[in-house]
Amino acid sequence: MKHRKLLVIAGILLVLVVLAFIASALLRRPAEKAAQAPVFVERPMAAPDPATAQAAASKAPGSAAAQKELGDALLAKRRFDEAATAYRASLAIDPNQANAWSALGETVMQTAKAQGIELPAEAGNAFRKAIAIDPRDARARFYFAMEKDLKGQHDEAVGEWLQLLREVPAGSDADESIRSALAASI
């Protein structure tokens, strides 16, 4: 009987130690965030091959859509500098494209050196323009939430990312990026 009580007490202590360890891990915040941001690509369908998109953009240099499609193809291949050039060309033709602005902001995020807890100025400006055109632009909202997280506003960032998870397609690159950011924040 006494042996059984000791086993129960030992079991309870073991559970408490494990729970304390888990709570400690969840409450601990990383001192430094990863330098490279996750790529938040929004593609309802497969991105075109960059060579095909380049050919189409070359045939229609005055087409904002062709230049944006080239940017999308290059972004999908993680060719960030080239994608930024294509997005800038598209926006020079038609500056009223929220998705192109947020994609430009993302390419800047991927190529800019870390500037502490602030978004790089050009990226922040691009995201603000995207939000001004479309307040529901998921990519811009994702990166603004990331900035909040870096500034220590973890609860606000997590709340915004959870809202975005309800809006983006499950299993998409955007969904995976949000989940990665949530995991890194926790």
Foldseek 3Di string as FASTA:
>chain_A
DVVVVVVVVVVVVVVVVVVVVVVVVVPDADPDDDFAAQQQQDDPDDQDALVVLVVVCVVPVLALVSLQSNLSNCVVVVVLVSSLVSLVSSCVNPVLALVSLQSNLNSCSRPPGDDQLDRPPSSLVSLVSSCVNPVVPLSSLLVVLSSCLSVVVLVVSLVSLVVSCVVGDPPDSNNVSSVVSNVNSD
